[in-house]
């Protein structure tokens, strides 16, 4: 059985990205590219990388675009009702902790 665990408050994609950028100490994106344009560019970059024989995926690729386009607004109602789950950390603080852990793992 699967339970979604998160902050009870809905987090927009913009807030998600801004929070990650703030916690990681990197600049926030200041431009928005329409999804169809991003998909086209990712496809073109992947084809170019393949023609060039590059092993790594390009920075802009279909998998990243697909992830960024996902609806990440999941309900925690089942976890709240069945497990008595009550979030103890809000999204912003949890992301700071997660990014600090990730950076420590990278060394």
PDB file of N, CA and C in Angstrom:
ATOM      1  N   UNK A   1       0.849  -1.180   0.000  1.00  0.00           N
ATOM      2  CA  UNK A   1       0.000   0.000   0.000  1.00  0.00           C
ATOM      3  C   UNK A   1       0.891   1.239   0.000  1.00  0.00           C
ATOM      4  N   UNK A   2       0.478   2.240  -0.730  1.00  0.00           N
ATOM      5  CA  UNK A   2       1.275   3.453  -0.899  1.00  0.00           C
ATOM      6  C   UNK A   2       0.633   4.618  -0.148  1.00  0.00           C
ATOM      7  N   UNK A   3       1.474   5.397   0.526  1.00  0.00           N
ATOM      8  CA  UNK A   3       1.021   6.604   1.207  1.00  0.00           C
ATOM      9  C   UNK A   3       1.872   7.771   0.726  1.00  0.00           C
ATOM     10  N   UNK A   4       1.226   8.878   0.440  1.00  0.00           N
ATOM     11  CA  UNK A   4       1.951  10.091   0.069  1.00  0.00           C
ATOM     12  C   UNK A   4       2.230  10.891   1.332  1.00  0.00           C
ATOM     13  N   UNK A   5       3.478  11.267   1.501  1.00  0.00           N
ATOM     14  CA  UNK A   5       3.900  12.016   2.676  1.00  0.00           C
ATOM     15  C   UNK A   5       4.469  13.345   2.197  1.00  0.00           C
ATOM     16  N   UNK A   6       3.858  14.414   2.642  1.00  0.00           N
ATOM     17  CA  UNK A   6       4.314  15.749   2.265  1.00  0.00           C
ATOM     18  C   UNK A   6       3.668  16.763   3.186  1.00  0.00           C
ATOM     19  N   UNK A   7       4.000  18.007   2.964  1.00  0.00           N
ATOM     20  CA  UNK A   7       3.376  19.134   3.636  1.00  0.00           C
ATOM     21  C   UNK A   7       1.903  19.172   3.203  1.00  0.00           C
ATOM     22  N   UNK A   8       0.963  19.498   4.084  1.00  0.00           N
ATOM     23  CA  UNK A   8      -0.444  19.512   3.671  1.00  0.00           C
ATOM     24  C   UNK A   8      -0.783  20.644   2.698  1.00  0.00           C
ATOM     25  N   UNK A   9       0.082  21.609   2.601  1.00  0.00           N
ATOM     26  CA  UNK A   9      -0.155  22.768   1.741  1.00  0.00           C
ATOM     27  C   UNK A   9       0.312  22.467   0.322  1.00  0.00           C
ATOM     28  N   UNK A  10      -0.492  22.855  -0.667  1.00  0.00           N
ATOM     29  CA  UNK A  10      -0.100  22.676  -2.071  1.00  0.00           C
ATOM     30  C   UNK A  10       1.084  23.587  -2.393  1.00  0.00           C
ATOM     31  N   UNK A  11       2.048  23.058  -3.120  1.00  0.00           N
ATOM     32  CA  UNK A  11       3.246  23.812  -3.501  1.00  0.00           C
ATOM     33  C   UNK A  11       3.260  23.936  -5.022  1.00  0.00           C
ATOM     34  N   UNK A  12       3.311  25.164  -5.512  1.00  0.00           N
ATOM     35  CA  UNK A  12       3.340  25.380  -6.964  1.00  0.00           C
ATOM     36  C   UNK A  12       4.712  24.990  -7.515  1.00  0.00           C
ATOM     37  N   UNK A  13       4.773  24.773  -8.824  1.00  0.00           N
ATOM     38  CA  UNK A  13       6.064  24.456  -9.449  1.00  0.00           C
ATOM     39  C   UNK A  13       7.051  25.599  -9.258  1.00  0.00           C
ATOM     40  N   UNK A  14       6.552  26.828  -9.336  1.00  0.00           N
ATOM     41  CA  UNK A  14       7.432  27.989  -9.146  1.00  0.00           C
ATOM     42  C   UNK A  14       8.012  27.976  -7.730  1.00  0.00           C
ATOM     43  N   UNK A  15       7.159  27.756  -6.728  1.00  0.00           N
ATOM     44  CA  UNK A  15       7.650  27.706  -5.352  1.00  0.00           C
ATOM     45  C   UNK A  15       8.621  26.541  -5.168  1.00  0.00           C
ATOM     46  N   UNK A  16       8.320  25.410  -5.783  1.00  0.00           N
ATOM     47  CA  UNK A  16       9.193  24.240  -5.717  1.00  0.00           C
ATOM     48  C   UNK A  16      10.582  24.591  -6.238  1.00  0.00           C
ATOM     49  N   UNK A  17      10.634  25.173  -7.440  1.00  0.00           N
ATOM     50  CA  UNK A  17      11.920  25.531  -8.050  1.00  0.00           C
ATOM     51  C   UNK A  17      12.629  26.631  -7.257  1.00  0.00           C
ATOM     52  N   UNK A  18      11.883  27.656  -6.848  1.00  0.00           N
ATOM     53  CA  UNK A  18      12.483  28.757  -6.085  1.00  0.00           C
ATOM     54  C   UNK A  18      13.086  28.262  -4.773  1.00  0.00           C
ATOM     55  N   UNK A  19      12.387  27.352  -4.102  1.00  0.00           N
ATOM     56  CA  UNK A  19      12.874  26.818  -2.826  1.00  0.00           C
ATOM     57  C   UNK A  19      14.155  26.019  -3.023  1.00  0.00           C
ATOM     58  N   UNK A  20      14.182  25.200  -4.057  1.00  0.00           N
ATOM     59  CA  UNK A  20      15.388  24.422  -4.342  1.00  0.00           C
ATOM     60  C   UNK A  20      16.551  25.351  -4.663  1.00  0.00           C
ATOM     61  N   UNK A  21      16.305  26.352  -5.486  1.00  0.00           N
ATOM     62  CA  UNK A  21      17.369  27.299  -5.848  1.00  0.00           C
ATOM     63  C   UNK A  21      17.886  28.035  -4.621  1.00  0.00           C
ATOM     64  N   UNK A  22      16.973  28.505  -3.765  1.00  0.00           N
ATOM     65  CA  UNK A  22      17.382  29.206  -2.543  1.00  0.00           C
ATOM     66  C   UNK A  22      18.226  28.298  -1.650  1.00  0.00           C
ATOM     67  N   UNK A  23      17.761  27.076  -1.439  1.00  0.00           N
ATOM     68  CA  UNK A  23      18.478  26.148  -0.557  1.00  0.00           C
ATOM     69  C   UNK A  23      19.831  25.753  -1.135  1.00  0.00           C
ATOM     70  N   UNK A  24      19.913  25.656  -2.460  1.00  0.00           N
ATOM     71  CA  UNK A  24      21.168  25.262  -3.112  1.00  0.00           C
ATOM     72  C   UNK A  24      22.085  26.454  -3.372  1.00  0.00           C
ATOM     73  N   UNK A  25      21.564  27.664  -3.142  1.00  0.00           N
ATOM     74  CA  UNK A  25      22.379  28.860  -3.360  1.00  0.00           C
ATOM     75  C   UNK A  25      22.640  29.150  -4.827  1.00  0.00           C
ATOM     76  N   UNK A  26      21.683  28.824  -5.673  1.00  0.00           N
ATOM     77  CA  UNK A  26      21.831  29.100  -7.109  1.00  0.00           C
ATOM     78  C   UNK A  26      20.738  30.072  -7.553  1.00  0.00           C
ATOM     79  N   UNK A  27      20.972  30.802  -8.647  1.00  0.00           N
ATOM     80  CA  UNK A  27      19.972  31.776  -9.099  1.00  0.00           C
ATOM     81  C   UNK A  27      18.658  31.105  -9.505  1.00  0.00           C
ATOM     82  N   UNK A  28      17.567  31.804  -9.223  1.00  0.00           N
ATOM     83  CA  UNK A  28      16.246  31.319  -9.629  1.00  0.00           C
ATOM     84  C   UNK A  28      16.054  31.563 -11.119  1.00  0.00           C
ATOM     85  N   UNK A  29      15.340  30.667 -11.788  1.00  0.00           N
ATOM     86  CA  UNK A  29      15.043  30.907 -13.204  1.00  0.00           C
ATOM     87  C   UNK A  29      14.229  32.190 -13.342  1.00  0.00           C
ATOM     88  N   UNK A  30      14.570  32.993 -14.339  1.00  0.00           N
ATOM     89  CA  UNK A  30      13.824  34.239 -14.528  1.00  0.00           C
ATOM     90  C   UNK A  30      13.018  34.244 -15.824  1.00  0.00           C
ATOM     91  N   UNK A  31      13.055  33.140 -16.550  1.00  0.00           N
ATOM     92  CA  UNK A  31      12.298  33.029 -17.791  1.00  0.00           C
ATOM     93  C   UNK A  31      11.513  31.721 -17.784  1.00  0.00           C
ATOM     94  N   UNK A  32      10.372  31.744 -18.443  1.00  0.00           N
ATOM     95  CA  UNK A  32       9.543  30.549 -18.563  1.00  0.00           C
ATOM     96  C   UNK A  32       9.436  30.193 -20.038  1.00  0.00           C
ATOM     97  N   UNK A  33       9.708  28.940 -20.352  1.00  0.00           N
ATOM     98  CA  UNK A  33       9.614  28.453 -21.730  1.00  0.00           C
ATOM     99  C   UNK A  33       8.338  27.622 -21.834  1.00  0.00           C
ATOM    100  N   UNK A  34       7.465  27.908 -22.814  1.00  0.00           N
ATOM    101  CA  UNK A  34       6.254  27.100 -22.974  1.00  0.00           C
ATOM    102  C   UNK A  34       6.603  25.625 -23.175  1.00  0.00           C
ATOM    103  N   UNK A  35       5.779  24.738 -22.616  1.00  0.00           N
ATOM    104  CA  UNK A  35       6.047  23.302 -22.651  1.00  0.00           C
ATOM    105  C   UNK A  35       6.278  22.762 -24.065  1.00  0.00           C
ATOM    106  N   UNK A  36       5.454  23.112 -25.066  1.00  0.00           N
ATOM    107  CA  UNK A  36       5.714  22.582 -26.415  1.00  0.00           C
ATOM    108  C   UNK A  36       7.084  23.001 -26.966  1.00  0.00           C
ATOM    109  N   UNK A  37       7.505  24.217 -26.654  1.00  0.00           N
ATOM    110  CA  UNK A  37       8.821  24.693 -27.107  1.00  0.00           C
ATOM    111  C   UNK A  37       9.922  23.902 -26.401  1.00  0.00           C
ATOM    112  N   UNK A  38       9.767  23.687 -25.100  1.00  0.00           N
ATOM    113  CA  UNK A  38      10.762  22.923 -24.340  1.00  0.00           C
ATOM    114  C   UNK A  38      10.868  21.489 -24.859  1.00  0.00           C
ATOM    115  N   UNK A  39       9.725  20.872 -25.175  1.00  0.00           N
ATOM    116  CA  UNK A  39       9.742  19.501 -25.711  1.00  0.00           C
ATOM    117  C   UNK A  39      10.458  19.450 -27.058  1.00  0.00           C
ATOM    118  N   UNK A  40      10.189  20.429 -27.906  1.00  0.00           N
ATOM    119  CA  UNK A  40      10.843  20.483 -29.217  1.00  0.00           C
ATOM    120  C   UNK A  40      12.354  20.651 -29.059  1.00  0.00           C
ATOM    121  N   UNK A  41      12.767  21.587 -28.204  1.00  0.00           N
ATOM    122  CA  UNK A  41      14.196  21.833 -27.991  1.00  0.00           C
ATOM    123  C   UNK A  41      14.891  20.605 -27.396  1.00  0.00           C
ATOM    124  N   UNK A  42      14.232  19.946 -26.449  1.00  0.00           N
ATOM    125  CA  UNK A  42      14.816  18.743 -25.841  1.00  0.00           C
ATOM    126  C   UNK A  42      15.010  17.657 -26.891  1.00  0.00           C
ATOM    127  N   UNK A  43      14.016  17.466 -27.724  1.00  0.00           N
ATOM    128  CA  UNK A  43      14.112  16.457 -28.780  1.00  0.00           C
ATOM    129  C   UNK A  43      15.251  16.787 -29.745  1.00  0.00           C
ATOM    130  N   UNK A  44      15.349  18.054 -30.131  1.00  0.00           N
ATOM    131  CA  UNK A  44      16.415  18.477 -31.047  1.00  0.00           C
ATOM    132  C   UNK A  44      17.789  18.273 -30.414  1.00  0.00           C
ATOM    133  N   UNK A  45      17.916  18.606 -29.125  1.00  0.00           N
ATOM    134  CA  UNK A  45      19.204  18.430 -28.446  1.00  0.00           C
ATOM    135  C   UNK A  45      19.565  16.954 -28.333  1.00  0.00           C
ATOM    136  N   UNK A  46      18.588  16.114 -28.029  1.00  0.00           N
ATOM    137  CA  UNK A  46      18.869  14.680 -27.916  1.00  0.00           C
ATOM    138  C   UNK A  46      19.325  14.107 -29.258  1.00  0.00           C
ATOM    139  N   UNK A  47      18.685  14.510 -30.333  1.00  0.00           N
ATOM    140  CA  UNK A  47      19.080  14.028 -31.662  1.00  0.00           C
ATOM    141  C   UNK A  47      20.478  14.519 -32.026  1.00  0.00           C
ATOM    142  N   UNK A  48      20.770  15.771 -31.690  1.00  0.00           N
ATOM    143  CA  UNK A  48      22.096  16.329 -31.968  1.00  0.00           C
ATOM    144  C   UNK A  48      23.163  15.580 -31.171  1.00  0.00           C
ATOM    145  N   UNK A  49      22.890  15.336 -29.892  1.00  0.00           N
ATOM    146  CA  UNK A  49      23.847  14.607 -29.041  1.00  0.00           C
ATOM    147  C   UNK A  49      24.097  13.208 -29.603  1.00  0.00           C
ATOM    148  N   UNK A  50      23.020  12.565 -30.069  1.00  0.00           N
ATOM    149  CA  UNK A  50      23.153  11.220 -30.628  1.00  0.00           C
ATOM    150  C   UNK A  50      24.015  11.248 -31.888  1.00  0.00           C
ATOM    151  N   UNK A  51      23.781  12.225 -32.763  1.00  0.00           N
ATOM    152  CA  UNK A  51      24.579  12.357 -33.990  1.00  0.00           C
ATOM    153  C   UNK A  51      26.051  12.616 -33.683  1.00  0.00           C
ATOM    154  N   UNK A  52      26.299  13.355 -32.605  1.00  0.00           N
ATOM    155  CA  UNK A  52      27.673  13.668 -32.208  1.00  0.00           C
ATOM    156  C   UNK A  52      28.330  12.516 -31.437  1.00  0.00           C
ATOM    157  N   UNK A  53      27.550  11.484 -31.135  1.00  0.00           N
ATOM    158  CA  UNK A  53      28.096  10.325 -30.428  1.00  0.00           C
ATOM    159  C   UNK A  53      28.346  10.562 -28.954  1.00  0.00           C
ATOM    160  N   UNK A  54      27.695  11.558 -28.379  1.00  0.00           N
ATOM    161  CA  UNK A  54      27.896  11.856 -26.954  1.00  0.00           C
ATOM    162  C   UNK A  54      27.173  10.817 -26.107  1.00  0.00           C
ATOM    163  N   UNK A  55      27.809  10.411 -25.021  1.00  0.00           N
ATOM    164  CA  UNK A  55      27.252   9.386 -24.147  1.00  0.00           C
ATOM    165  C   UNK A  55      26.272   9.962 -23.124  1.00  0.00           C
ATOM    166  N   UNK A  56      26.575  11.143 -22.598  1.00  0.00           N
ATOM    167  CA  UNK A  56      25.702  11.757 -21.598  1.00  0.00           C
ATOM    168  C   UNK A  56      24.524  12.448 -22.268  1.00  0.00           C
ATOM    169  N   UNK A  57      23.408  12.473 -21.561  1.00  0.00           N
ATOM    170  CA  UNK A  57      22.230  13.185 -22.067  1.00  0.00           C
ATOM    171  C   UNK A  57      22.505  14.686 -22.033  1.00  0.00           C
ATOM    172  N   UNK A  58      21.916  15.439 -22.953  1.00  0.00           N
ATOM    173  CA  UNK A  58      22.086  16.889 -22.910  1.00  0.00           C
ATOM    174  C   UNK A  58      21.398  17.471 -21.671  1.00  0.00           C
ATOM    175  N   UNK A  59      21.797  18.671 -21.291  1.00  0.00           N
ATOM    176  CA  UNK A  59      21.210  19.333 -20.128  1.00  0.00           C
ATOM    177  C   UNK A  59      19.692  19.406 -20.259  1.00  0.00           C
ATOM    178  N   UNK A  60      19.220  19.752 -21.439  1.00  0.00           N
ATOM    179  CA  UNK A  60      17.780  19.796 -21.703  1.00  0.00           C
ATOM    180  C   UNK A  60      17.414  18.510 -22.431  1.00  0.00           C
ATOM    181  N   UNK A  61      16.656  17.641 -21.755  1.00  0.00           N
ATOM    182  CA  UNK A  61      16.279  16.370 -22.384  1.00  0.00           C
ATOM    183  C   UNK A  61      14.837  16.013 -22.038  1.00  0.00           C
ATOM    184  N   UNK A  62      14.300  15.037 -22.750  1.00  0.00           N
ATOM    185  CA  UNK A  62      12.886  14.667 -22.601  1.00  0.00           C
ATOM    186  C   UNK A  62      12.540  14.229 -21.184  1.00  0.00           C
ATOM    187  N   UNK A  63      13.427  13.510 -20.529  1.00  0.00           N
ATOM    188  CA  UNK A  63      13.153  13.041 -19.164  1.00  0.00           C
ATOM    189  C   UNK A  63      12.997  14.221 -18.205  1.00  0.00           C
ATOM    190  N   UNK A  64      13.855  15.216 -18.323  1.00  0.00           N
ATOM    191  CA  UNK A  64      13.762  16.388 -17.443  1.00  0.00           C
ATOM    192  C   UNK A  64      12.495  17.188 -17.727  1.00  0.00           C
ATOM    193  N   UNK A  65      12.171  17.333 -19.006  1.00  0.00           N
ATOM    194  CA  UNK A  65      10.957  18.065 -19.368  1.00  0.00           C
ATOM    195  C   UNK A  65       9.735  17.328 -18.831  1.00  0.00           C
ATOM    196  N   UNK A  66       9.723  16.014 -18.959  1.00  0.00           N
ATOM    197  CA  UNK A  66       8.596  15.220 -18.462  1.00  0.00           C
ATOM    198  C   UNK A  66       8.444  15.400 -16.954  1.00  0.00           C
ATOM    199  N   UNK A  67       9.555  15.368 -16.225  1.00  0.00           N
ATOM    200  CA  UNK A  67       9.506  15.554 -14.775  1.00  0.00           C
ATOM    201  C   UNK A  67       8.961  16.932 -14.419  1.00  0.00           C
ATOM    202  N   UNK A  68       9.456  17.961 -15.089  1.00  0.00           N
ATOM    203  CA  UNK A  68       9.021  19.321 -14.778  1.00  0.00           C
ATOM    204  C   UNK A  68       7.551  19.552 -15.116  1.00  0.00           C
ATOM    205  N   UNK A  69       7.005  18.757 -16.029  1.00  0.00           N
ATOM    206  CA  UNK A  69       5.605  18.913 -16.429  1.00  0.00           C
ATOM    207  C   UNK A  69       4.646  18.099 -15.554  1.00  0.00           C
ATOM    208  N   UNK A  70       5.177  17.261 -14.672  1.00  0.00           N
ATOM    209  CA  UNK A  70       4.322  16.417 -13.832  1.00  0.00           C
ATOM    210  C   UNK A  70       3.488  17.237 -12.855  1.00  0.00           C
ATOM    211  N   UNK A  71       2.303  16.730 -12.544  1.00  0.00           N
ATOM    212  CA  UNK A  71       1.497  17.301 -11.474  1.00  0.00           C
ATOM    213  C   UNK A  71       1.984  16.655 -10.177  1.00  0.00           C
ATOM    214  N   UNK A  72       2.568  17.442  -9.309  1.00  0.00           N
ATOM    215  CA  UNK A  72       3.140  16.912  -8.067  1.00  0.00           C
ATOM    216  C   UNK A  72       2.257  17.178  -6.853  1.00  0.00           C
ATOM    217  N   UNK A  73       0.987  17.488  -7.084  1.00  0.00           N
ATOM    218  CA  UNK A  73       0.072  17.818  -5.996  1.00  0.00           C
ATOM    219  C   UNK A  73      -0.683  16.564  -5.557  1.00  0.00           C
ATOM    220  N   UNK A  74      -0.106  15.827  -4.617  1.00  0.00           N
ATOM    221  CA  UNK A  74      -0.697  14.589  -4.131  1.00  0.00           C
ATOM    222  C   UNK A  74      -1.371  14.816  -2.784  1.00  0.00           C
ATOM    223  N   UNK A  75      -2.449  14.109  -2.560  1.00  0.00           N
ATOM    224  CA  UNK A  75      -3.188  14.219  -1.306  1.00  0.00           C
ATOM    225  C   UNK A  75      -2.521  13.369  -0.222  1.00  0.00           C
ATOM    226  N   UNK A  76      -2.507  13.904   0.998  1.00  0.00           N
ATOM    227  CA  UNK A  76      -1.997  13.133   2.137  1.00  0.00           C
ATOM    228  C   UNK A  76      -3.148  12.639   3.011  1.00  0.00           C
ATOM    229  N   UNK A  77      -4.365  12.764   2.495  1.00  0.00           N
ATOM    230  CA  UNK A  77      -5.546  12.408   3.281  1.00  0.00           C
ATOM    231  C   UNK A  77      -5.495  10.965   3.792  1.00  0.00           C
ATOM    232  N   UNK A  78      -5.092  10.020   2.933  1.00  0.00           N
ATOM    233  CA  UNK A  78      -5.043   8.611   3.341  1.00  0.00           C
ATOM    234  C   UNK A  78      -4.034   8.418   4.476  1.00  0.00           C
ATOM    235  N   UNK A  79      -2.871   9.041   4.368  1.00  0.00           N
ATOM    236  CA  UNK A  79      -1.855   8.915   5.421  1.00  0.00           C
ATOM    237  C   UNK A  79      -2.331   9.570   6.714  1.00  0.00           C
ATOM    238  N   UNK A  80      -3.042  10.674   6.582  1.00  0.00           N
ATOM    239  CA  UNK A  80      -3.565  11.369   7.756  1.00  0.00           C
ATOM    240  C   UNK A  80      -4.617  10.520   8.461  1.00  0.00           C
ATOM    241  N   UNK A  81      -5.535   9.952   7.679  1.00  0.00           N
ATOM    242  CA  UNK A  81      -6.628   9.171   8.267  1.00  0.00           C
ATOM    243  C   UNK A  81      -6.169   7.810   8.787  1.00  0.00           C
ATOM    244  N   UNK A  82      -5.401   7.092   7.996  1.00  0.00           N
ATOM    245  CA  UNK A  82      -5.047   5.715   8.376  1.00  0.00           C
ATOM    246  C   UNK A  82      -3.841   5.621   9.303  1.00  0.00           C
ATOM    247  N   UNK A  83      -2.896   6.532   9.139  1.00  0.00           N
ATOM    248  CA  UNK A  83      -1.666   6.462   9.934  1.00  0.00           C
ATOM    249  C   UNK A  83      -1.596   7.520  11.030  1.00  0.00           C
ATOM    250  N   UNK A  84      -2.538   8.469  11.001  1.00  0.00           N
ATOM    251  CA  UNK A  84      -2.479   9.578  11.949  1.00  0.00           C
ATOM    252  C   UNK A  84      -1.337  10.531  11.638  1.00  0.00           C
ATOM    253  N   UNK A  85      -0.887  10.516  10.398  1.00  0.00           N
ATOM    254  CA  UNK A  85       0.253  11.346   9.984  1.00  0.00           C
ATOM    255  C   UNK A  85      -0.066  12.831  10.113  1.00  0.00           C
ATOM    256  N   UNK A  86       0.839  13.548  10.744  1.00  0.00           N
ATOM    257  CA  UNK A  86       0.768  15.004  10.828  1.00  0.00           C
ATOM    258  C   UNK A  86       2.162  15.532  10.511  1.00  0.00           C
ATOM    259  N   UNK A  87       2.303  16.305   9.438  1.00  0.00           N
ATOM    260  CA  UNK A  87       3.630  16.802   9.062  1.00  0.00           C
ATOM    261  C   UNK A  87       4.276  17.599  10.195  1.00  0.00           C
ATOM    262  N   UNK A  88       5.546  17.333  10.434  1.00  0.00           N
ATOM    263  CA  UNK A  88       6.268  18.060  11.482  1.00  0.00           C
ATOM    264  C   UNK A  88       7.207  19.107  10.888  1.00  0.00           C
ATOM    265  N   UNK A  89       7.418  19.053   9.582  1.00  0.00           N
ATOM    266  CA  UNK A  89       8.320  19.985   8.898  1.00  0.00           C
ATOM    267  C   UNK A  89       7.623  20.512   7.659  1.00  0.00           C
ATOM    268  N   UNK A  90       7.724  21.818   7.435  1.00  0.00           N
ATOM    269  CA  UNK A  90       7.096  22.356   6.228  1.00  0.00           C
ATOM    270  C   UNK A  90       8.005  22.146   5.021  1.00  0.00           C
ATOM    271  N   UNK A  91       7.449  22.344   3.844  1.00  0.00           N
ATOM    272  CA  UNK A  91       8.144  22.085   2.586  1.00  0.00           C
ATOM    273  C   UNK A  91       9.495  22.794   2.512  1.00  0.00           C
ATOM    274  N   UNK A  92       9.511  24.073   2.810  1.00  0.00           N
ATOM    275  CA  UNK A  92      10.739  24.860   2.680  1.00  0.00           C
ATOM    276  C   UNK A  92      11.861  24.308   3.560  1.00  0.00           C
ATOM    277  N   UNK A  93      11.557  24.031   4.812  1.00  0.00           N
ATOM    278  CA  UNK A  93      12.569  23.493   5.727  1.00  0.00           C
ATOM    279  C   UNK A  93      13.007  22.089   5.311  1.00  0.00           C
ATOM    280  N   UNK A  94      12.059  21.276   4.880  1.00  0.00           N
ATOM    281  CA  UNK A  94      12.397  19.916   4.447  1.00  0.00           C
ATOM    282  C   UNK A  94      13.320  19.942   3.236  1.00  0.00           C
ATOM    283  N   UNK A  95      13.078  20.857   2.304  1.00  0.00           N
ATOM    284  CA  UNK A  95      13.930  20.956   1.119  1.00  0.00           C
ATOM    285  C   UNK A  95      15.334  21.423   1.495  1.00  0.00           C
ATOM    286  N   UNK A  96      15.437  22.360   2.424  1.00  0.00           N
ATOM    287  CA  UNK A  96      16.760  22.812   2.873  1.00  0.00           C
ATOM    288  C   UNK A  96      17.546  21.644   3.468  1.00  0.00           C
ATOM    289  N   UNK A  97      16.883  20.863   4.302  1.00  0.00           N
ATOM    290  CA  UNK A  97      17.525  19.701   4.922  1.00  0.00           C
ATOM    291  C   UNK A  97      17.932  18.676   3.870  1.00  0.00           C
ATOM    292  N   UNK A  98      17.045  18.421   2.922  1.00  0.00           N
ATOM    293  CA  UNK A  98      17.316  17.445   1.863  1.00  0.00           C
ATOM    294  C   UNK A  98      18.487  17.877   0.994  1.00  0.00           C
ATOM    295  N   UNK A  99      18.516  19.137   0.605  1.00  0.00           N
ATOM    296  CA  UNK A  99      19.601  19.634  -0.254  1.00  0.00           C
ATOM    297  C   UNK A  99      20.925  19.639   0.503  1.00  0.00           C
ATOM    298  N   UNK A 100      20.901  20.008   1.785  1.00  0.00           N
ATOM    299  CA  UNK A 100      22.131  19.973   2.587  1.00  0.00           C
ATOM    300  C   UNK A 100      22.662  18.542   2.665  1.00  0.00           C
ATOM    301  N   UNK A 101      21.767  17.576   2.870  1.00  0.00           N
ATOM    302  CA  UNK A 101      22.172  16.173   2.910  1.00  0.00           C
ATOM    303  C   UNK A 101      22.766  15.749   1.570  1.00  0.00           C
ATOM    304  N   UNK A 102      22.095  16.114   0.477  1.00  0.00           N
ATOM    305  CA  UNK A 102      22.559  15.752  -0.859  1.00  0.00           C
ATOM    306  C   UNK A 102      23.951  16.333  -1.128  1.00  0.00           C
ATOM    307  N   UNK A 103      24.147  17.602  -0.777  1.00  0.00           N
ATOM    308  CA  UNK A 103      25.446  18.240  -1.004  1.00  0.00           C
ATOM    309  C   UNK A 103      26.530  17.584  -0.163  1.00  0.00           C
ATOM    310  N   UNK A 104      26.196  17.169   1.045  1.00  0.00           N
ATOM    311  CA  UNK A 104      27.162  16.481   1.904  1.00  0.00           C
ATOM    312  C   UNK A 104      27.549  15.127   1.294  1.00  0.00           C
ATOM    313  N   UNK A 105      26.585  14.428   0.706  1.00  0.00           N
ATOM    314  CA  UNK A 105      26.856  13.132   0.085  1.00  0.00           C
ATOM    315  C   UNK A 105      27.777  13.263  -1.120  1.00  0.00           C
ATOM    316  N   UNK A 106      27.630  14.373  -1.845  1.00  0.00           N
ATOM    317  CA  UNK A 106      28.465  14.601  -3.024  1.00  0.00           C
ATOM    318  C   UNK A 106      29.911  14.869  -2.640  1.00  0.00           C
ATOM    319  N   UNK A 107      30.098  15.364  -1.409  1.00  0.00           N
ATOM    320  CA  UNK A 107      31.443  15.620  -0.914  1.00  0.00           C
ATOM    321  C   UNK A 107      31.972  16.875  -1.426  1.00  0.00           C
TER     322      UNK A 107
END
